[in-house]
Structures are given as structure tokens and as C-alpha cells.
Amino acid sequence: MYQSHGMAFAEYSRKLTNRLQVEQEREKNYFESRQVGHEMKRLAHR
């Protein structure tokens, strides 16, 4: 948790604003990784 988001789990669980920030960042990373995956598949099936 600390390496990827810069905060300890205790801090994450204590404040709602921290949780929302981390979850928004996770969601953004998830969609970016899906886009990369789709692009790789598209290039592989040319």
C-alpha cells in the first residue's frame, strides 16, 4: 500500500478522502491497463 499509494493502510482506512483518492487512482490505472491490453491484442491480430 505504501509503495504504490504513498500511505500506510491505517491512514487509508482512517480518512474517507484518502480512500476516495486511492480508489480513483486504482480505477484510472485499471482502465489504462485495459486499454493497453486491448491495443496489444489489436496489434497481435493484424
C-alpha atoms as a PDB file:
ATOM      1  CA  MET A   1       0.000   0.000   0.000  1.00  0.00           C
ATOM      2  CA  TYR A   2       2.740   2.442   0.949  1.00  0.00           C
ATOM      3  CA  GLN A   3       4.847   1.821  -2.155  1.00  0.00           C
ATOM      4  CA  SER A   4       2.022   2.204  -4.637  1.00  0.00           C
ATOM      5  CA  HIS A   5      -0.036   4.949  -2.971  1.00  0.00           C
ATOM      6  CA  GLY A   6       2.313   6.675  -0.544  1.00  0.00           C
ATOM      7  CA  MET A   7       0.297   5.999   2.599  1.00  0.00           C
ATOM      8  CA  ALA A   8       0.008   3.269   5.184  1.00  0.00           C
ATOM      9  CA  PHE A   9      -3.118   1.130   5.400  1.00  0.00           C
ATOM     10  CA  ALA A  10      -4.023   2.689   8.761  1.00  0.00           C
ATOM     11  CA  GLU A  11      -4.039   6.156   7.181  1.00  0.00           C
ATOM     12  CA  TYR A  12      -6.004   4.820   4.200  1.00  0.00           C
ATOM     13  CA  SER A  13      -8.686   3.307   6.397  1.00  0.00           C
ATOM     14  CA  ARG A  14      -8.902   6.306   8.745  1.00  0.00           C
ATOM     15  CA  LYS A  15      -9.946   9.032   6.292  1.00  0.00           C
ATOM     16  CA  LEU A  16     -12.608   8.857   3.618  1.00  0.00           C
ATOM     17  CA  THR A  17     -10.807  11.404   1.424  1.00  0.00           C
ATOM     18  CA  ASN A  18      -7.710   9.184   1.348  1.00  0.00           C
ATOM     19  CA  ARG A  19      -9.779   6.150   0.407  1.00  0.00           C
ATOM     20  CA  LEU A  20     -11.528   8.033  -2.378  1.00  0.00           C
ATOM     21  CA  GLN A  21      -8.221   9.311  -3.738  1.00  0.00           C
ATOM     22  CA  VAL A  22      -6.670   5.834  -3.738  1.00  0.00           C
ATOM     23  CA  GLU A  23      -9.733   4.217  -5.295  1.00  0.00           C
ATOM     24  CA  GLN A  24      -9.898   6.843  -8.065  1.00  0.00           C
ATOM     25  CA  GLU A  25      -6.218   6.234  -8.791  1.00  0.00           C
ATOM     26  CA  ARG A  26      -6.784   2.463  -8.859  1.00  0.00           C
ATOM     27  CA  GLU A  27      -9.721   2.842 -11.223  1.00  0.00           C
ATOM     28  CA  LYS A  28      -7.679   5.071 -13.539  1.00  0.00           C
ATOM     29  CA  ASN A  29      -4.813   2.553 -13.557  1.00  0.00           C
ATOM     30  CA  TYR A  30      -7.251  -0.288 -14.227  1.00  0.00           C
ATOM     31  CA  PHE A  31      -8.740   1.409 -17.285  1.00  0.00           C
ATOM     32  CA  GLU A  32      -5.307   2.377 -18.592  1.00  0.00           C
ATOM     33  CA  SER A  33      -4.115  -1.226 -18.285  1.00  0.00           C
ATOM     34  CA  ARG A  34      -7.241  -2.478 -20.084  1.00  0.00           C
ATOM     35  CA  GLN A  35      -6.573  -0.045 -22.924  1.00  0.00           C
ATOM     36  CA  VAL A  36      -3.001  -1.319 -23.210  1.00  0.00           C
ATOM     37  CA  GLY A  37      -4.279  -4.894 -23.259  1.00  0.00           C
ATOM     38  CA  HIS A  38      -6.786  -4.121 -25.996  1.00  0.00           C
ATOM     39  CA  GLU A  39      -4.115  -2.351 -28.018  1.00  0.00           C
ATOM     40  CA  MET A  40      -1.763  -5.341 -27.690  1.00  0.00           C
ATOM     41  CA  LYS A  41      -4.493  -7.710 -28.865  1.00  0.00           C
ATOM     42  CA  ARG A  42      -5.326  -5.431 -31.779  1.00  0.00           C
ATOM     43  CA  LEU A  43      -1.691  -5.272 -32.873  1.00  0.00           C
ATOM     44  CA  ALA A  44      -1.231  -9.029 -32.463  1.00  0.00           C
ATOM     45  CA  HIS A  45      -4.188  -9.848 -34.728  1.00  0.00           C
ATOM     46  CA  ARG A  46      -3.245  -7.725 -37.709  1.00  0.00           C
END
